[in-house]
Amino acid sequence: MFRINDVQIAVERFPDGTPRLNVPFVSGDVRIEWLYEKDEEMILFFIVNHIRDRYPVNYVTLYMPYIPHARMDRTKNEEEVFTLKYFCDLVNLMKFDKVIVRDAHSVVSLNMLDNVIQEPIDRTIKKLTERLLDPEKDIVFYPDEGSSRRYSGMIPFTYAYGMKKRDWDTGKIIGLDVLGNIPSQPFNVLIIDDISSYGGTFLHSSKKLREMGAEKIYLYVTHCENSVLDGEMIRSGYIEKIYTTRSIYTGNDPMIEVIGGD
């Protein structure tokens, strides 16, 4: 979905699937908002070039809370395509004066994008923690050491973190160990991470936390893919509620609430 200065742009399609676009007049400073759905890079390219060719614009900002292709931030062999690099090359070709992103999945993407600024999310997480947890008895949980390093400094709260167990033949998560501060009495938990696909990591995390005495378990992910609706986690009964920002989630489910970062 695209907005230009808060006006949504309709993306129509010709019978062959190629886009047909109309972009209203703009001038001066322009903000293009792109909430990624699927393979829309060329539409962004068309919009930006149209604006620069036709209208008297000055400062052009791209607001792109979710960075596509961030998972493909390295390659293992010559046959793998380094899609993140080429995506960033395309964005840089458009010469934005500022690119605003949120909670980048990989620091590699931040290093590859020109004029990039990462939008802070600490206020959103702090508000949610205050809303859901009692600092006297509850904890925050990070599913791995990476998320622990990423978020633990943002909120002064008792926390624990996970160590995933994998089947190295398939790469699938088969279990999880919990390290850190676990209360001796029943407690509530807010799990925090940057992204969720089907929710397998959070399913294993919440199952283990339940075994260790957790009563209510909540989940915050900055970027919640619509695929979470097809995963086992959301219907497992282990998670009370999932909170996310308006970046890539476009579904409608009572288990998921969009908060902050709008």
Protein backbone atom coordinates (compact mmCIF):
# COMPACT_ATOMS: atom_id res chain seq x y z
CA MET A 1 0.00 0.00 0.00
CA PHE A 2 1.30 3.44 -0.96
CA ARG A 3 0.45 6.88 0.39
CA ILE A 4 1.85 10.19 -0.80
CA ASN A 5 1.48 12.95 1.79
CA ASP A 6 -1.23 10.81 3.47
CA VAL A 7 -3.20 10.30 0.22
CA GLN A 8 -3.54 6.63 -0.69
CA ILE A 9 -2.53 5.68 -4.22
CA ALA A 10 -4.76 3.20 -6.04
CA VAL A 11 -2.81 0.46 -7.78
CA GLU A 12 -4.91 -0.79 -10.69
CA ARG A 13 -3.84 -3.56 -13.04
CA PHE A 14 -3.96 -4.12 -16.78
CA PRO A 15 -5.08 -7.59 -17.91
CA ASP A 16 -1.45 -8.73 -18.12
CA GLY A 17 -0.90 -7.80 -14.46
CA THR A 18 1.25 -4.70 -14.99
CA PRO A 19 0.33 -1.68 -12.84
CA ARG A 20 -1.73 1.32 -13.94
CA LEU A 21 -1.11 4.32 -11.66
CA ASN A 22 -2.40 7.84 -11.14
CA VAL A 23 -0.38 10.09 -8.84
CA PRO A 24 -1.94 13.43 -7.77
CA PHE A 25 -0.03 16.70 -7.96
CA VAL A 26 2.47 17.34 -5.17
CA SER A 27 5.07 20.02 -4.56
CA GLY A 28 7.72 20.97 -2.04
CA ASP A 29 8.55 18.30 0.55
CA VAL A 30 7.04 14.90 -0.19
CA ARG A 31 6.60 11.86 2.04
CA ILE A 32 6.01 8.51 0.36
CA GLU A 33 4.74 5.81 2.70
CA TRP A 34 5.15 2.20 1.58
CA LEU A 35 3.59 -0.60 3.61
CA TYR A 36 5.04 -3.63 1.87
CA GLU A 37 2.77 -6.40 0.65
CA LYS A 38 4.40 -8.30 -2.21
CA ASP A 39 7.00 -7.51 -4.89
CA GLU A 40 6.06 -3.83 -5.22
CA GLU A 41 9.54 -2.40 -5.73
CA MET A 42 8.89 -1.43 -9.34
CA ILE A 43 5.67 0.38 -8.40
CA LEU A 44 7.68 2.46 -5.95
CA PHE A 45 10.23 3.12 -8.69
CA PHE A 46 7.47 4.28 -11.09
CA ILE A 47 5.89 6.59 -8.49
CA VAL A 48 9.16 8.23 -7.47
CA ASN A 49 10.30 8.84 -11.04
CA HIS A 50 6.90 10.22 -12.03
CA ILE A 51 6.97 12.69 -9.13
CA ARG A 52 10.51 13.83 -9.90
CA ASP A 53 9.81 14.14 -13.65
CA ARG A 54 6.46 15.95 -13.47
CA TYR A 55 6.13 17.87 -10.21
CA PRO A 56 8.14 20.63 -8.47
CA VAL A 57 9.30 18.61 -5.47
CA ASN A 58 12.19 19.31 -3.14
CA TYR A 59 12.79 16.92 -0.26
CA VAL A 60 11.55 13.36 -0.84
CA THR A 61 11.24 10.97 2.13
CA LEU A 62 10.49 7.27 1.94
CA TYR A 63 8.70 5.89 4.99
CA MET A 64 9.26 2.12 4.79
CA PRO A 65 8.70 0.60 8.26
CA TYR A 66 9.38 -2.94 7.07
CA ILE A 67 12.49 -3.60 4.97
CA PRO A 68 11.75 -6.27 2.36
CA HIS A 69 14.37 -8.97 1.74
CA ALA A 70 16.07 -8.32 5.10
CA ARG A 71 16.13 -12.05 5.83
CA MET A 72 18.37 -12.59 2.80
CA ASP A 73 21.24 -10.61 4.31
CA ARG A 74 23.98 -13.08 3.30
CA THR A 75 24.59 -15.85 0.82
CA LYS A 76 26.13 -19.28 1.36
CA ASN A 77 27.13 -20.14 -2.21
CA GLU A 78 27.43 -18.69 -5.70
CA GLU A 79 23.94 -19.80 -6.71
CA GLU A 80 22.09 -17.89 -3.99
CA VAL A 81 20.95 -14.42 -5.06
CA PHE A 82 21.81 -11.65 -2.61
CA THR A 83 18.35 -10.09 -2.92
CA LEU A 84 18.77 -7.65 -0.03
CA LYS A 85 21.79 -6.05 -1.68
CA TYR A 86 20.02 -5.58 -5.00
CA PHE A 87 16.87 -4.30 -3.32
CA CYS A 88 18.92 -1.69 -1.44
CA ASP A 89 20.71 -0.79 -4.68
CA LEU A 90 17.32 -0.09 -6.28
CA VAL A 91 16.14 2.06 -3.35
CA ASN A 92 19.42 3.99 -3.38
CA LEU A 93 19.00 4.57 -7.12
CA MET A 94 15.85 6.58 -6.31
CA LYS A 95 18.00 9.01 -4.26
CA PHE A 96 15.67 9.62 -1.33
CA ASP A 97 16.70 12.42 0.98
CA LYS A 98 15.64 10.25 3.92
CA VAL A 99 14.59 6.61 4.32
CA ILE A 100 12.76 5.92 7.59
CA VAL A 101 12.55 2.30 8.74
CA ARG A 102 11.42 0.53 11.91
CA ASP A 103 13.19 -2.20 13.87
CA ALA A 104 15.30 -3.54 10.99
CA HIS A 105 15.58 -7.33 11.03
CA SER A 106 19.22 -7.15 9.96
CA VAL A 107 21.86 -4.48 10.55
CA VAL A 108 23.17 -5.35 7.08
CA SER A 109 20.13 -3.63 5.57
CA LEU A 110 20.85 -0.46 7.54
CA ASN A 111 24.43 -0.47 6.30
CA MET A 112 23.31 -0.84 2.68
CA LEU A 113 20.63 1.86 2.56
CA ASP A 114 21.59 5.49 1.94
CA ASN A 115 20.29 8.21 4.28
CA VAL A 116 18.52 5.69 6.49
CA ILE A 117 17.02 6.52 9.89
CA GLN A 118 15.66 3.88 12.24
CA GLU A 119 12.43 4.91 13.95
CA PRO A 120 12.60 4.28 17.73
CA ILE A 121 10.25 1.67 19.19
CA ASP A 122 11.27 1.85 22.86
CA ARG A 123 8.27 4.02 23.79
CA THR A 124 5.85 1.50 22.25
CA ILE A 125 7.46 -1.39 24.13
CA LYS A 126 7.59 0.52 27.42
CA LYS A 127 3.91 1.45 27.23
CA LEU A 128 2.93 -2.13 26.46
CA THR A 129 5.04 -3.49 29.32
CA GLU A 130 3.48 -1.03 31.77
CA ARG A 131 0.02 -1.95 30.50
CA LEU A 132 0.40 -5.73 30.79
CA LEU A 133 2.94 -6.54 33.49
CA ASP A 134 3.46 -6.09 37.22
CA PRO A 135 7.14 -5.23 37.81
CA GLU A 136 6.97 -6.91 41.22
CA LYS A 137 6.28 -10.40 39.86
CA ASP A 138 6.20 -10.54 36.05
CA ILE A 139 8.97 -10.81 33.43
CA VAL A 140 9.86 -10.02 29.85
CA PHE A 141 11.10 -12.89 27.70
CA TYR A 142 13.35 -12.75 24.62
CA PRO A 143 13.30 -15.85 22.38
CA ASP A 144 17.06 -15.79 21.78
CA GLU A 145 20.27 -13.99 22.69
CA GLY A 146 19.96 -11.71 19.66
CA SER A 147 16.61 -10.29 20.72
CA SER A 148 17.90 -10.04 24.30
CA ARG A 149 20.78 -7.84 23.14
CA ARG A 150 18.46 -5.82 20.90
CA TYR A 151 15.72 -4.98 23.39
CA SER A 152 16.81 -5.54 26.99
CA GLY A 153 18.46 -2.12 27.19
CA MET A 154 15.21 -0.41 26.17
CA ILE A 155 13.20 -1.45 29.22
CA PRO A 156 14.53 -1.85 32.78
CA PHE A 157 12.57 -5.02 33.50
CA THR A 158 13.41 -8.47 34.84
CA TYR A 159 13.91 -10.79 31.89
CA ALA A 160 14.84 -14.25 30.70
CA TYR A 161 15.84 -15.47 27.25
CA GLY A 162 15.74 -18.63 25.19
CA MET A 163 18.31 -20.92 23.62
CA LYS A 164 16.76 -22.72 20.66
CA LYS A 165 17.29 -26.42 20.01
CA ARG A 166 17.29 -27.31 16.33
CA ASP A 167 17.23 -30.40 14.18
CA TRP A 168 20.31 -29.53 12.15
CA ASP A 169 19.22 -31.80 9.29
CA THR A 170 15.98 -29.89 8.74
CA GLY A 171 16.72 -26.58 10.47
CA LYS A 172 13.44 -26.83 12.40
CA ILE A 173 13.18 -25.77 16.04
CA ILE A 174 12.48 -28.81 18.22
CA GLY A 175 12.66 -27.21 21.65
CA LEU A 176 14.00 -24.39 23.74
CA ASP A 177 15.94 -23.87 26.99
CA VAL A 178 15.19 -20.87 29.19
CA LEU A 179 17.99 -18.91 30.88
CA GLY A 180 17.79 -15.95 33.22
CA ASN A 181 15.42 -14.85 35.96
CA ILE A 182 12.35 -17.04 36.38
CA PRO A 183 10.06 -16.18 39.34
CA SER A 184 9.37 -18.91 41.87
CA GLN A 185 5.68 -17.88 42.03
CA PRO A 186 3.16 -17.85 39.12
CA PHE A 187 3.90 -14.95 36.78
CA ASN A 188 2.84 -13.27 33.54
CA VAL A 189 5.16 -12.78 30.55
CA LEU A 190 5.55 -10.44 27.60
CA ILE A 191 7.58 -12.04 24.79
CA ILE A 192 9.34 -9.46 22.61
CA ASP A 193 10.89 -9.90 19.17
CA ASP A 194 11.13 -8.15 15.82
CA ILE A 195 9.28 -10.44 13.41
CA SER A 196 6.96 -13.43 13.21
CA SER A 197 6.09 -15.66 10.28
CA TYR A 198 4.15 -18.73 11.43
CA GLY A 199 5.12 -18.31 15.09
CA GLY A 200 7.05 -21.52 15.66
CA THR A 201 9.66 -19.87 17.89
CA PHE A 202 6.96 -18.31 20.04
CA LEU A 203 5.01 -21.56 20.24
CA HIS A 204 8.05 -23.34 21.72
CA SER A 205 8.79 -20.34 23.98
CA SER A 206 5.27 -20.09 25.38
CA LYS A 207 4.98 -23.84 25.88
CA LYS A 208 8.21 -23.89 27.89
CA LEU A 209 7.22 -20.82 29.90
CA ARG A 210 3.89 -22.42 30.79
CA GLU A 211 5.77 -25.45 32.11
CA MET A 212 7.83 -23.09 34.28
CA GLY A 213 4.85 -21.40 35.91
CA ALA A 214 3.72 -18.66 33.49
CA GLU A 215 0.01 -17.87 33.67
CA LYS A 216 -0.72 -15.24 31.02
CA ILE A 217 1.67 -14.91 28.08
CA TYR A 218 1.55 -12.00 25.65
CA LEU A 219 3.55 -11.51 22.47
CA TYR A 220 4.87 -8.32 20.88
CA VAL A 221 6.46 -8.42 17.43
CA THR A 222 7.19 -5.25 15.49
CA HIS A 223 6.50 -6.96 12.15
CA CYS A 224 3.78 -9.62 12.08
CA GLU A 225 3.43 -11.40 8.77
CA ASN A 226 -0.06 -12.47 7.71
CA SER A 227 1.22 -16.06 7.63
CA VAL A 228 0.92 -16.09 11.44
CA LEU A 229 -2.80 -16.75 10.88
CA ASP A 230 -1.92 -20.11 9.30
CA GLY A 231 0.47 -21.20 12.04
CA GLU A 232 -0.16 -23.42 15.05
CA MET A 233 0.92 -20.79 17.58
CA ILE A 234 -2.04 -18.44 17.24
CA ARG A 235 -4.55 -21.22 18.02
CA SER A 236 -2.43 -23.06 20.59
CA GLY A 237 -4.03 -21.42 23.62
CA TYR A 238 -0.63 -20.54 25.06
CA ILE A 239 -0.70 -16.88 23.94
CA GLU A 240 -3.32 -14.48 25.32
CA LYS A 241 -2.80 -11.73 22.74
CA ILE A 242 -0.42 -10.71 19.97
CA TYR A 243 0.56 -7.05 19.60
CA THR A 244 2.19 -5.64 16.49
CA THR A 245 2.69 -2.37 14.61
CA ARG A 246 1.18 -1.31 11.30
CA SER A 247 4.02 -2.40 9.04
CA ILE A 248 3.17 -5.63 7.20
CA TYR A 249 0.16 -7.11 9.01
CA THR A 250 -3.07 -6.56 7.05
CA GLY A 251 -5.22 -9.33 8.52
CA ASN A 252 -8.20 -9.14 10.84
CA ASP A 253 -8.16 -11.48 13.83
CA PRO A 254 -9.27 -10.86 17.42
CA MET A 255 -6.02 -12.38 18.68
CA ILE A 256 -3.97 -9.59 17.07
CA GLU A 257 -4.00 -5.93 18.08
CA VAL A 258 -2.17 -3.24 16.12
CA ILE A 259 -0.55 -0.68 18.40
CA GLY A 260 1.87 2.25 18.22
CA GLY A 261 4.25 2.99 15.38
CA ASP A 262 1.44 4.22 13.15
